[in-house]
Amino acid sequence: MTHPQLADLAAELRERRADALAMGGEAGVERQHSLGKLTVRERLDLLYDKGSFTEDGLFAGAVETAQSAGRRSPADGVVTGVGMVDGRPVTVIAYDFTVMAGSIGMHGERKAARARDLAVRRGTPVVYLLDSAGARVTESVGAAFAGSGDLFREISTMSGVVPQVGAVLGPCSAGTAYIPALCDFVPMVKGTSSMALAGVHLVRAATGEEVTEEEMGGSGVHTRISGVADREAADDAECLALVRDYLSYLPGRYGDPAPMRAVGDPVDRRSEELYEIVPGNPRQAYDMRRVVRAVVDEGSFFPMKPDWARSVITGFARFGGRPAGVVASQPMQLGGALGVDAADKAARFINICDSFDVPLVFLQDVPGFLVGKAVEHAGIIRPEDHCRAPQGLRRRLLRDGRAAVRGRQGGELAERGVQRDGARGGGEHSVPQAARGRARRVAADPRRAAGGARRRGAEPDRPLPVGTDGLRRRHHRPGRDPRGHRAGPRAVGRQAGAAARAKARRRTRLTGLTRLDRVVDSRLRGGEAGASVHQREEAP
């Protein structure tokens, strides 16, 4: 039997790579250009610093179904990888419309899920380049749903952990329309992009309504009427430039410092023109945008949703080269009064800044809230979901959980406790007796930490599954409560069951996303008392 030579295998690999980089073929590329859109590879060249992109899953293909039979499916219609934007790593998930209309396939969604997981582990922003017709029918029917069952949960879990951008560069229908709605920043391209839960053909069949894609979900609709999108761009190049500019104001992940930029605008500059811009008569309107431009670093203001709910101005700016968020009233619109949409716009922007430690600057000239039947019917009193669970709380819980994990790996059982307030728990007596004893032994001989990890079949430096409060726990002995005291007969059964469940959980290898999600969710359910679910289940 003759084995192929290494040179022949390398040549075959080069041919496969060239074929995959050709995307949907010449006909598909020509059609993409005829629609006024760039291909996915051309978009990546504009997004990333030159020569910095590294692709993952190039040789993936579509699942063999009747829909994909006999059709090209390089990379399964989605390009994933990491590259540099202004010298900082950024993860991308880009849908290729030349390959089966950029539809979501099972293998492509597995690539996207892995990219999201790595983005959380490495702490990189995620950029979606959306040009997709939705999920493939033949792969999305049934429980598997093209492997995208965790898509929405993962994007929601990542909210406030890493910045997420959903750039809509073409049609975005059905399942893919939810992706930008859950992202922090959504730019759209005028004339070529659209976003709707159902396409025009399904709307016609279901309701009989005749409507175009632009009328139902074009960039004008979502930047001026619905408020789903943040900015409108003239073409793909301008849209990707907006993405790069937006990322320059935010850190790669929560807890990291925001990027600084050298500026020529002196920090001690006085804005004497404010005396002319702001009138002495409180009933006279003026343009607050002139005030913003006068006080921020020259040319640094990046507005968010400038064409929606215009009675309030939101956006990023720099002061002395440091990024900050600006929330300002606009007296030129409704006298600066706040309505339902304006309040929602301000609250959403404040949550983004709070999640990534971006300081806020308020320029207020507001008479109050709008009153009347129209705003009451619109629900001006109703609190929104993002007001109930601020992203900043989620960020702080995640940060405390990671701090506890790092302390445990070093052989320390978080002597200060996960909660920093002594009244809410923490300290030595908040952990089981067995764990306290092990902590003393490790303190006396640090080699015990590495030896114990090897005996448990894990590497010493590998993160181990944690309890719901961020600390590694051993199951308690039946008949004892968490502090070693004797329990009643009813508590014994509950403790035995909880110990068995804890043992089963420790056998499960948790990914980065699942670990973070469990720590946060359990503490949010724990309330202000600071007790973990594990402790509550086993309390006598």
Protein backbone atom coordinates (compact mmCIF):
# COMPACT_ATOMS: atom_id res chain seq x y z
CA MET A 1 0.00 0.00 0.00
CA THR A 2 1.43 3.37 -1.04
CA HIS A 3 1.02 6.19 1.43
CA PRO A 4 0.64 9.77 0.18
CA GLN A 5 3.64 12.01 0.48
CA LEU A 6 3.60 14.96 2.88
CA ALA A 7 3.99 17.38 -0.03
CA ASP A 8 0.88 15.92 -1.67
CA LEU A 9 -1.13 16.33 1.54
CA ALA A 10 0.06 19.93 1.91
CA ALA A 11 -0.97 20.66 -1.69
CA GLU A 12 -4.40 19.14 -1.06
CA LEU A 13 -4.76 21.27 2.07
CA ARG A 14 -3.93 24.42 0.10
CA GLU A 15 -6.56 23.52 -2.49
CA ARG A 16 -9.20 22.98 0.19
CA ARG A 17 -8.31 26.28 1.82
CA ALA A 18 -8.54 28.16 -1.49
CA ASP A 19 -11.89 26.54 -2.20
CA ALA A 20 -13.25 27.53 1.23
CA LEU A 21 -12.00 31.12 0.86
CA ALA A 22 -13.92 31.35 -2.43
CA MET A 23 -17.13 31.36 -0.33
CA GLY A 24 -20.27 30.59 -2.37
CA GLY A 25 -18.51 30.78 -5.72
CA GLU A 26 -18.16 33.46 -8.38
CA ALA A 27 -21.88 33.68 -9.07
CA GLY A 28 -22.71 34.24 -5.40
CA VAL A 29 -19.99 36.87 -5.03
CA GLU A 30 -21.19 38.76 -8.12
CA ARG A 31 -24.75 38.74 -6.84
CA GLN A 32 -23.60 40.08 -3.48
CA HIS A 33 -21.79 42.96 -5.16
CA SER A 34 -24.79 43.67 -7.39
CA LEU A 35 -26.89 44.24 -4.26
CA GLY A 36 -24.43 46.91 -3.09
CA LYS A 37 -22.97 44.69 -0.35
CA LEU A 38 -19.46 43.48 0.40
CA THR A 39 -18.63 39.82 0.89
CA VAL A 40 -17.91 38.52 4.37
CA ARG A 41 -14.16 38.35 3.65
CA GLU A 42 -14.08 41.95 2.44
CA ARG A 43 -15.93 43.04 5.58
CA LEU A 44 -13.38 41.31 7.81
CA ASP A 45 -10.57 43.15 6.03
CA LEU A 46 -12.24 46.46 6.93
CA LEU A 47 -13.03 45.48 10.51
CA TYR A 48 -9.62 44.17 11.59
CA ASP A 49 -6.11 45.52 11.59
CA LYS A 50 -4.29 44.33 8.47
CA GLY A 51 -3.13 40.71 8.64
CA SER A 52 -4.34 40.13 12.23
CA PHE A 53 -7.35 37.84 11.66
CA THR A 54 -7.11 34.14 12.60
CA GLU A 55 -10.03 31.98 11.49
CA ASP A 56 -11.49 28.99 13.29
CA GLY A 57 -13.48 26.20 11.63
CA LEU A 58 -12.67 27.07 8.00
CA PHE A 59 -13.22 23.50 6.78
CA ALA A 60 -16.62 22.98 8.38
CA GLY A 61 -19.49 22.04 6.07
CA ALA A 62 -23.27 21.77 6.21
CA VAL A 63 -25.09 18.73 7.55
CA GLU A 64 -26.19 16.45 4.72
CA THR A 65 -29.87 17.26 4.18
CA ALA A 66 -32.19 17.73 1.23
CA GLN A 67 -31.63 21.49 1.48
CA SER A 68 -27.83 21.28 1.29
CA ALA A 69 -27.51 18.40 -1.15
CA GLY A 70 -25.34 19.35 -4.13
CA ARG A 71 -24.69 22.90 -2.85
CA ARG A 72 -21.48 24.53 -1.71
CA SER A 73 -21.25 25.10 2.03
CA PRO A 74 -17.72 26.33 2.91
CA ALA A 75 -17.37 27.12 6.63
CA ASP A 76 -21.08 26.22 6.85
CA GLY A 77 -21.97 29.80 5.98
CA VAL A 78 -20.45 31.47 9.05
CA VAL A 79 -16.91 32.77 9.61
CA THR A 80 -15.60 32.79 13.20
CA GLY A 81 -12.25 33.83 14.60
CA VAL A 82 -10.23 36.46 16.42
CA GLY A 83 -8.34 39.50 15.18
CA MET A 84 -7.03 42.85 16.33
CA VAL A 85 -8.97 46.13 16.34
CA ASP A 86 -6.65 49.01 17.25
CA GLY A 87 -4.26 46.46 18.72
CA ARG A 88 -6.86 44.75 20.96
CA PRO A 89 -8.32 41.25 20.35
CA VAL A 90 -11.94 41.06 19.15
CA THR A 91 -13.98 37.94 18.36
CA VAL A 92 -16.17 37.88 15.24
CA ILE A 93 -19.13 35.74 14.14
CA ALA A 94 -19.87 36.73 10.53
CA TYR A 95 -22.60 35.19 8.37
CA ASP A 96 -21.83 34.62 4.69
CA PHE A 97 -24.85 35.40 2.49
CA THR A 98 -23.20 33.77 -0.55
CA VAL A 99 -23.53 30.36 1.16
CA MET A 100 -27.20 29.33 1.33
CA ALA A 101 -28.24 32.93 2.10
CA GLY A 102 -26.18 32.97 5.30
CA SER A 103 -28.67 30.67 7.03
CA ILE A 104 -27.85 29.17 10.43
CA GLY A 105 -26.76 25.54 10.23
CA MET A 106 -25.95 23.06 12.96
CA HIS A 107 -22.18 23.03 12.41
CA GLY A 108 -22.06 26.78 11.92
CA GLU A 109 -23.88 27.36 15.21
CA ARG A 110 -21.47 25.03 17.00
CA LYS A 111 -18.65 27.22 15.70
CA ALA A 112 -20.46 30.33 16.93
CA ALA A 113 -21.07 28.77 20.37
CA ARG A 114 -17.38 27.94 20.71
CA ALA A 115 -16.45 31.48 19.67
CA ARG A 116 -18.74 32.92 22.37
CA ASP A 117 -17.30 30.59 25.00
CA LEU A 118 -13.72 31.55 24.12
CA ALA A 119 -14.65 35.24 24.11
CA VAL A 120 -15.84 34.99 27.72
CA ARG A 121 -12.77 33.01 28.79
CA ARG A 122 -10.32 35.34 27.08
CA GLY A 123 -12.24 38.53 27.76
CA THR A 124 -12.71 39.82 24.21
CA PRO A 125 -15.64 41.77 22.70
CA VAL A 126 -17.90 39.90 20.27
CA VAL A 127 -18.93 41.40 16.92
CA TYR A 128 -21.73 39.82 14.86
CA LEU A 129 -21.74 40.67 11.15
CA LEU A 130 -25.34 39.82 10.27
CA ASP A 131 -26.43 39.05 6.72
CA SER A 132 -28.65 36.00 7.09
CA ALA A 133 -32.03 34.59 6.14
CA GLY A 134 -32.45 32.82 9.49
CA ALA A 135 -32.18 29.17 10.48
CA ARG A 136 -32.26 26.39 7.87
CA VAL A 137 -35.60 24.68 7.88
CA THR A 138 -34.26 21.15 7.37
CA GLU A 139 -31.78 21.50 10.26
CA SER A 140 -33.92 23.52 12.68
CA VAL A 141 -36.92 21.19 12.91
CA GLY A 142 -36.97 19.15 16.11
CA ALA A 143 -35.28 19.36 19.48
CA ALA A 144 -31.82 20.14 18.06
CA PHE A 145 -33.00 23.39 16.41
CA ALA A 146 -29.80 23.57 14.36
CA GLY A 147 -27.80 23.46 17.58
CA SER A 148 -28.91 27.01 18.41
CA GLY A 149 -30.91 26.25 21.54
CA ASP A 150 -28.31 27.94 23.75
CA LEU A 151 -27.85 30.97 21.47
CA PHE A 152 -30.16 33.38 23.29
CA ARG A 153 -29.19 32.18 26.76
CA GLU A 154 -25.49 32.64 26.02
CA ILE A 155 -25.93 36.14 24.59
CA SER A 156 -28.00 37.13 27.62
CA THR A 157 -25.44 35.64 30.01
CA MET A 158 -22.63 37.52 28.26
CA SER A 159 -24.48 40.83 28.57
CA GLY A 160 -22.43 43.08 30.81
CA VAL A 161 -19.50 40.64 30.75
CA VAL A 162 -18.01 41.51 27.35
CA PRO A 163 -19.18 44.17 24.86
CA GLN A 164 -21.42 42.75 22.11
CA VAL A 165 -22.05 44.41 18.76
CA GLY A 166 -24.67 43.31 16.22
CA ALA A 167 -23.89 45.00 12.87
CA VAL A 168 -26.83 44.47 10.47
CA LEU A 169 -25.37 44.50 6.94
CA GLY A 170 -28.15 42.72 5.07
CA PRO A 171 -31.42 40.89 5.72
CA CYS A 172 -31.79 39.65 9.26
CA SER A 173 -34.91 37.53 9.63
CA ALA A 174 -36.40 35.07 12.10
CA GLY A 175 -33.89 33.74 14.64
CA THR A 176 -31.04 35.99 13.59
CA ALA A 177 -33.19 39.07 14.28
CA TYR A 178 -32.95 38.33 18.01
CA ILE A 179 -29.15 38.55 17.96
CA PRO A 180 -28.85 42.32 17.40
CA ALA A 181 -31.80 42.98 19.73
CA LEU A 182 -29.76 41.45 22.58
CA CYS A 183 -26.50 43.24 21.72
CA ASP A 184 -25.19 46.49 23.21
CA PHE A 185 -24.66 48.34 19.92
CA VAL A 186 -26.61 47.86 16.67
CA PRO A 187 -25.60 49.77 13.52
CA MET A 188 -27.56 49.23 10.27
CA VAL A 189 -26.78 49.98 6.63
CA LYS A 190 -29.25 52.19 4.80
CA GLY A 191 -31.00 50.58 1.85
CA THR A 192 -29.53 47.06 2.13
CA SER A 193 -30.20 45.95 5.71
CA SER A 194 -33.46 44.92 7.37
CA MET A 195 -34.49 43.30 10.60
CA ALA A 196 -37.79 41.50 11.27
CA LEU A 197 -39.09 38.37 12.93
CA ALA A 198 -40.78 37.30 9.69
CA GLY A 199 -39.95 37.96 6.05
CA VAL A 200 -42.29 39.67 3.63
CA HIS A 201 -43.47 36.38 2.12
CA LEU A 202 -44.48 34.94 5.50
CA VAL A 203 -46.23 38.20 6.42
CA ARG A 204 -48.17 38.13 3.16
CA ALA A 205 -49.21 34.51 3.70
CA ALA A 206 -50.17 35.01 7.36
CA THR A 207 -51.84 38.43 7.29
CA GLY A 208 -52.36 39.30 3.64
CA GLU A 209 -50.41 42.52 4.15
CA GLU A 210 -48.31 43.76 1.22
CA VAL A 211 -45.16 45.37 2.58
CA THR A 212 -41.55 45.76 1.54
CA GLU A 213 -38.56 44.81 3.68
CA GLU A 214 -37.60 48.47 4.06
CA GLU A 215 -41.09 49.45 5.23
CA MET A 216 -41.33 46.60 7.71
CA GLY A 217 -37.84 46.59 9.22
CA GLY A 218 -35.40 48.81 7.35
CA SER A 219 -32.76 50.99 8.94
CA GLY A 220 -35.11 54.00 8.96
CA VAL A 221 -37.73 52.07 10.92
CA HIS A 222 -35.37 50.80 13.61
CA THR A 223 -33.31 53.97 14.06
CA ARG A 224 -36.29 56.38 14.15
CA ILE A 225 -39.44 54.48 15.14
CA SER A 226 -38.70 51.28 17.08
CA GLY A 227 -35.36 52.27 18.60
CA VAL A 228 -33.89 48.78 18.15
CA ALA A 229 -30.91 50.08 16.15
CA ASP A 230 -28.42 52.69 17.36
CA ARG A 231 -26.88 54.18 14.20
CA GLU A 232 -27.55 54.29 10.47
CA ALA A 233 -24.65 53.99 8.01
CA ALA A 234 -24.52 54.78 4.30
CA ASP A 235 -22.66 51.58 3.32
CA ASP A 236 -20.77 48.59 4.70
CA ALA A 237 -17.49 50.47 5.07
CA GLU A 238 -19.07 53.23 7.17
CA CYS A 239 -20.90 50.67 9.30
CA LEU A 240 -17.68 48.79 10.12
CA ALA A 241 -15.94 52.09 10.88
CA LEU A 242 -18.71 52.78 13.43
CA VAL A 243 -18.05 49.39 15.02
CA ARG A 244 -14.35 50.14 15.39
CA ASP A 245 -15.09 53.58 16.83
CA TYR A 246 -17.62 52.18 19.33
CA LEU A 247 -15.16 49.56 20.62
CA SER A 248 -12.55 52.26 21.23
CA TYR A 249 -14.65 53.61 24.12
CA LEU A 250 -15.09 50.31 25.99
CA PRO A 251 -12.75 47.82 27.70
CA GLY A 252 -12.38 44.29 26.41
CA ARG A 253 -14.42 42.96 29.35
CA TYR A 254 -15.82 44.07 32.68
CA GLY A 255 -13.18 44.95 35.25
CA ASP A 256 -10.56 45.96 32.67
CA PRO A 257 -9.61 49.64 32.33
CA ALA A 258 -11.15 51.56 29.44
CA PRO A 259 -8.71 52.38 26.62
CA MET A 260 -7.07 55.79 26.86
CA ARG A 261 -6.12 57.95 23.88
CA ALA A 262 -3.67 60.80 23.60
CA VAL A 263 -5.47 64.04 22.78
CA GLY A 264 -4.30 67.53 21.99
CA ASP A 265 -7.22 69.17 23.77
CA PRO A 266 -5.95 70.59 27.12
CA VAL A 267 -7.74 69.22 30.17
CA ASP A 268 -7.84 72.70 31.77
CA ARG A 269 -9.43 74.35 28.73
CA ARG A 270 -12.32 76.70 29.58
CA SER A 271 -15.46 76.63 27.41
CA GLU A 272 -16.25 80.31 27.27
CA GLU A 273 -18.71 79.76 24.41
CA LEU A 274 -21.18 78.24 26.88
CA TYR A 275 -22.14 81.77 27.95
CA GLU A 276 -23.46 82.33 24.42
CA ILE A 277 -24.98 78.88 23.85
CA VAL A 278 -27.05 78.64 27.04
CA PRO A 279 -29.59 81.51 27.25
CA GLY A 280 -30.39 83.38 30.42
CA ASN A 281 -34.14 82.92 29.86
CA PRO A 282 -35.12 79.44 31.19
CA ARG A 283 -38.06 79.33 28.74
CA GLN A 284 -35.83 79.77 25.69
CA ALA A 285 -34.74 76.56 23.93
CA TYR A 286 -31.18 75.85 22.84
CA ASP A 287 -29.28 72.97 21.23
CA MET A 288 -27.67 70.79 23.91
CA ARG A 289 -25.50 69.13 21.26
CA ARG A 290 -23.49 72.36 21.03
CA VAL A 291 -22.94 72.20 24.79
CA VAL A 292 -21.72 68.59 24.57
CA ARG A 293 -19.30 69.36 21.75
CA ALA A 294 -17.96 72.35 23.71
CA VAL A 295 -17.08 70.44 26.90
CA VAL A 296 -15.78 67.08 25.59
CA ASP A 297 -12.46 66.48 23.89
CA GLU A 298 -12.56 67.90 20.40
CA GLY A 299 -14.22 65.58 17.90
CA SER A 300 -14.71 62.73 20.37
CA PHE A 301 -18.50 62.53 20.78
CA PHE A 302 -20.07 59.25 19.61
CA PRO A 303 -23.90 59.53 19.78
CA MET A 304 -26.11 56.54 20.58
CA LYS A 305 -29.64 56.42 19.10
CA PRO A 306 -29.46 60.07 17.93
CA ASP A 307 -32.64 59.81 15.81
CA TRP A 308 -34.89 58.08 18.39
CA ALA A 309 -36.37 59.65 21.54
CA ARG A 310 -34.59 62.88 20.74
CA SER A 311 -35.56 64.70 23.95
CA VAL A 312 -32.55 63.04 25.58
CA ILE A 313 -29.01 62.76 24.20
CA THR A 314 -26.83 59.74 24.96
CA GLY A 315 -23.39 58.88 23.72
CA PHE A 316 -19.73 58.28 24.48
CA ALA A 317 -17.08 60.98 24.65
CA ARG A 318 -13.60 61.56 26.04
CA PHE A 319 -12.43 63.92 28.74
CA GLY A 320 -8.66 64.23 28.81
CA GLY A 321 -8.45 61.09 26.68
CA ARG A 322 -10.53 59.00 29.07
CA PRO A 323 -13.85 57.52 27.84
CA ALA A 324 -17.05 58.61 29.55
CA GLY A 325 -20.77 58.37 28.93
CA VAL A 326 -22.86 61.49 28.40
CA VAL A 327 -26.57 61.73 29.25
CA ALA A 328 -28.02 65.15 28.42
CA SER A 329 -31.42 66.78 28.07
CA GLN A 330 -32.35 68.28 24.70
CA PRO A 331 -34.51 71.43 25.16
CA MET A 332 -35.03 71.60 21.39
CA GLN A 333 -37.30 68.52 21.61
CA LEU A 334 -40.41 68.71 23.84
CA GLY A 335 -38.54 71.16 26.03
CA GLY A 336 -36.36 68.27 27.25
CA ALA A 337 -39.26 66.47 28.94
CA LEU A 338 -38.89 62.70 29.38
CA GLY A 339 -41.33 60.30 27.76
CA VAL A 340 -41.48 56.50 27.76
CA ASP A 341 -38.95 56.06 24.95
CA ALA A 342 -36.60 58.74 26.29
CA ALA A 343 -36.50 57.14 29.74
CA ASP A 344 -35.87 53.72 28.21
CA LYS A 345 -33.10 55.14 26.02
CA ALA A 346 -31.34 56.75 28.99
CA ALA A 347 -31.72 53.71 31.27
CA ARG A 348 -30.34 51.31 28.67
CA PHE A 349 -27.31 53.50 28.01
CA ILE A 350 -26.63 53.97 31.74
CA ASN A 351 -26.69 50.19 32.24
CA ILE A 352 -24.08 49.71 29.49
CA CYS A 353 -21.79 52.28 31.12
CA ASP A 354 -22.34 50.77 34.57
CA SER A 355 -21.50 47.28 33.31
CA PHE A 356 -18.05 48.30 32.06
CA ASP A 357 -17.11 50.93 34.66
CA VAL A 358 -17.47 53.85 32.25
CA PRO A 359 -18.03 57.07 34.23
CA LEU A 360 -21.11 59.15 33.45
CA VAL A 361 -21.52 62.87 32.88
CA PHE A 362 -25.06 64.32 33.18
CA LEU A 363 -26.05 67.62 31.56
CA GLN A 364 -29.55 68.24 32.85
CA ASP A 365 -32.12 70.79 31.83
CA VAL A 366 -35.34 68.83 32.15
CA PRO A 367 -38.77 70.07 33.29
CA GLY A 368 -39.89 66.55 34.26
CA PHE A 369 -41.88 63.71 32.71
CA LEU A 370 -44.51 64.07 30.03
CA VAL A 371 -48.05 63.85 31.35
CA GLY A 372 -51.36 63.01 29.74
CA LYS A 373 -53.42 60.10 28.47
CA ALA A 374 -51.01 59.12 25.70
CA VAL A 375 -48.00 58.50 27.96
CA GLU A 376 -50.11 56.77 30.61
CA HIS A 377 -51.48 54.39 28.00
CA ALA A 378 -47.92 53.76 26.85
CA GLY A 379 -47.00 52.64 30.38
CA ILE A 380 -44.77 55.43 31.62
CA ILE A 381 -45.10 54.12 35.20
CA ARG A 382 -44.18 50.55 34.27
CA PRO A 383 -40.57 49.61 35.22
CA GLU A 384 -38.54 47.92 32.51
CA ASP A 385 -36.73 44.61 33.02
CA HIS A 386 -33.26 46.18 32.80
CA CYS A 387 -34.24 48.48 35.70
CA ARG A 388 -34.98 45.49 37.93
CA ALA A 389 -31.61 43.75 37.39
CA PRO A 390 -28.86 46.28 36.67
CA GLN A 391 -25.95 44.94 34.67
CA GLY A 392 -23.57 46.44 37.22
CA LEU A 393 -24.89 44.05 39.89
CA ARG A 394 -24.31 41.13 37.55
CA ARG A 395 -20.79 42.34 36.81
CA ARG A 396 -19.92 42.68 40.50
CA LEU A 397 -21.25 39.20 41.30
CA LEU A 398 -19.22 37.69 38.47
CA ARG A 399 -16.09 39.55 39.58
CA ASP A 400 -16.51 38.35 43.18
CA GLY A 401 -17.02 34.79 41.96
CA ARG A 402 -13.82 34.87 39.94
CA ALA A 403 -11.93 36.33 42.89
CA ALA A 404 -13.10 33.42 45.03
CA VAL A 405 -11.97 30.92 42.37
CA ARG A 406 -8.52 32.51 42.16
CA GLY A 407 -8.21 32.45 45.95
CA ARG A 408 -9.17 28.79 46.10
CA GLN A 409 -6.63 27.77 43.45
CA GLY A 410 -3.90 29.44 45.48
CA GLY A 411 -4.81 27.36 48.52
CA GLU A 412 -6.77 30.16 50.23
CA LEU A 413 -10.44 29.77 51.08
CA ALA A 414 -11.28 33.45 50.80
CA GLU A 415 -10.72 34.46 54.41
CA ARG A 416 -12.40 37.76 53.68
CA GLY A 417 -15.43 35.92 52.22
CA VAL A 418 -17.09 36.44 48.87
CA GLN A 419 -19.29 39.14 50.40
CA ARG A 420 -17.24 42.04 51.68
CA ASP A 421 -19.83 43.16 54.18
CA GLY A 422 -19.48 41.18 57.40
CA ALA A 423 -23.20 41.50 58.16
CA ARG A 424 -24.03 39.56 54.99
CA GLY A 425 -21.83 36.55 55.67
CA GLY A 426 -18.26 35.62 54.79
CA GLY A 427 -15.23 34.85 56.89
CA GLU A 428 -14.03 31.54 58.27
CA HIS A 429 -17.31 30.42 59.84
CA SER A 430 -19.30 30.74 56.60
CA VAL A 431 -17.65 27.56 55.19
CA PRO A 432 -18.09 23.96 56.38
CA GLN A 433 -15.95 22.55 59.14
CA ALA A 434 -14.15 20.15 56.79
CA ALA A 435 -13.23 23.02 54.48
CA ARG A 436 -11.95 25.09 57.41
CA GLY A 437 -9.75 22.20 58.49
CA ARG A 438 -8.36 21.78 54.99
CA ALA A 439 -7.67 25.51 54.81
CA ARG A 440 -5.54 25.31 57.96
CA ARG A 441 -3.61 22.31 56.61
CA VAL A 442 -2.97 24.05 53.29
CA ALA A 443 -1.80 27.18 55.10
CA ALA A 444 0.69 25.06 57.03
CA ASP A 445 1.88 23.15 53.95
CA PRO A 446 0.94 24.64 50.51
CA ARG A 447 2.00 21.41 48.78
CA ARG A 448 -1.18 19.81 50.06
CA ALA A 449 -3.23 21.89 47.58
CA ALA A 450 -1.42 20.44 44.55
CA GLY A 451 -1.42 16.93 46.00
CA GLY A 452 -5.13 17.04 46.71
CA ALA A 453 -5.84 18.20 43.17
CA ARG A 454 -3.83 15.31 41.72
CA ARG A 455 -5.65 12.79 43.90
CA ARG A 456 -8.96 14.14 42.61
CA GLY A 457 -7.77 13.59 39.04
CA ALA A 458 -7.41 17.26 38.13
CA GLU A 459 -4.43 19.42 37.30
CA PRO A 460 -3.41 21.78 40.14
CA ASP A 461 -3.92 24.91 38.02
CA ARG A 462 -7.23 23.91 36.44
CA PRO A 463 -10.37 25.63 37.82
CA LEU A 464 -12.52 23.14 39.71
CA PRO A 465 -16.32 23.25 39.90
CA VAL A 466 -17.44 25.74 42.51
CA GLY A 467 -20.42 25.94 44.80
CA THR A 468 -23.26 28.36 44.25
CA ASP A 469 -21.52 30.96 46.41
CA GLY A 470 -18.17 30.78 44.57
CA LEU A 471 -16.40 28.45 47.05
CA ARG A 472 -15.48 24.83 46.56
CA ARG A 473 -17.50 22.70 48.98
CA ARG A 474 -17.44 19.14 50.20
CA HIS A 475 -20.72 17.49 51.01
CA HIS A 476 -21.58 17.55 54.71
CA ARG A 477 -21.76 14.41 56.76
CA PRO A 478 -25.32 13.12 57.21
CA GLY A 479 -26.65 14.05 60.61
CA ARG A 480 -24.68 17.30 60.74
CA ASP A 481 -25.63 20.81 59.64
CA PRO A 482 -23.16 22.97 57.62
CA ARG A 483 -21.29 23.96 60.79
CA GLY A 484 -20.89 20.46 62.15
CA HIS A 485 -23.71 20.50 64.70
CA ARG A 486 -26.10 17.60 65.05
CA ALA A 487 -29.33 17.86 63.06
CA GLY A 488 -32.79 16.40 63.53
CA PRO A 489 -34.00 13.23 61.75
CA ARG A 490 -35.83 15.17 59.03
CA ALA A 491 -32.76 17.22 58.21
CA VAL A 492 -30.67 14.05 57.83
CA GLY A 493 -32.60 12.95 54.74
CA ARG A 494 -32.44 16.38 53.17
CA GLN A 495 -28.70 16.57 53.81
CA ALA A 496 -28.07 13.14 52.32
CA GLY A 497 -29.96 14.08 49.17
CA ALA A 498 -28.17 17.40 48.89
CA ALA A 499 -24.82 15.65 49.38
CA ALA A 500 -25.61 13.20 46.57
CA ARG A 501 -26.62 16.01 44.25
CA ALA A 502 -23.47 17.95 45.11
CA LYS A 503 -21.33 14.89 44.38
CA ALA A 504 -22.99 14.45 40.99
CA ARG A 505 -22.47 18.11 40.18
CA ARG A 506 -18.77 17.85 40.96
CA ARG A 507 -18.41 15.13 38.34
CA THR A 508 -19.63 17.49 35.64
CA ARG A 509 -17.06 19.57 33.82
CA LEU A 510 -18.44 23.11 33.63
CA THR A 511 -17.57 25.40 30.74
CA GLY A 512 -16.68 29.03 31.31
CA LEU A 513 -20.15 30.29 30.39
CA THR A 514 -22.04 27.76 32.52
CA ARG A 515 -19.85 28.34 35.55
CA LEU A 516 -20.34 32.09 35.46
CA ASP A 517 -24.07 31.72 34.81
CA ARG A 518 -24.60 29.45 37.81
CA VAL A 519 -22.69 31.67 40.23
CA VAL A 520 -24.63 34.76 39.22
CA ASP A 521 -28.07 33.20 39.05
CA SER A 522 -27.73 31.45 42.40
CA ARG A 523 -26.66 34.64 44.16
CA LEU A 524 -29.44 36.65 42.58
CA ARG A 525 -31.88 34.10 43.94
CA GLY A 526 -30.12 34.21 47.30
CA GLY A 527 -31.32 37.76 48.03
CA GLU A 528 -29.74 40.21 50.42
CA ALA A 529 -29.13 37.62 53.13
CA GLY A 530 -26.08 36.38 51.22
CA ALA A 531 -26.82 32.69 51.90
CA SER A 532 -26.22 30.25 49.06
CA VAL A 533 -28.73 27.80 47.67
CA HIS A 534 -26.50 24.98 48.94
CA GLN A 535 -26.70 26.32 52.48
CA ARG A 536 -30.46 26.87 52.37
CA GLU A 537 -31.16 23.35 51.14
CA GLU A 538 -29.21 21.77 53.96
CA ALA A 539 -30.27 24.02 56.82
CA PRO A 540 -32.12 22.05 59.54
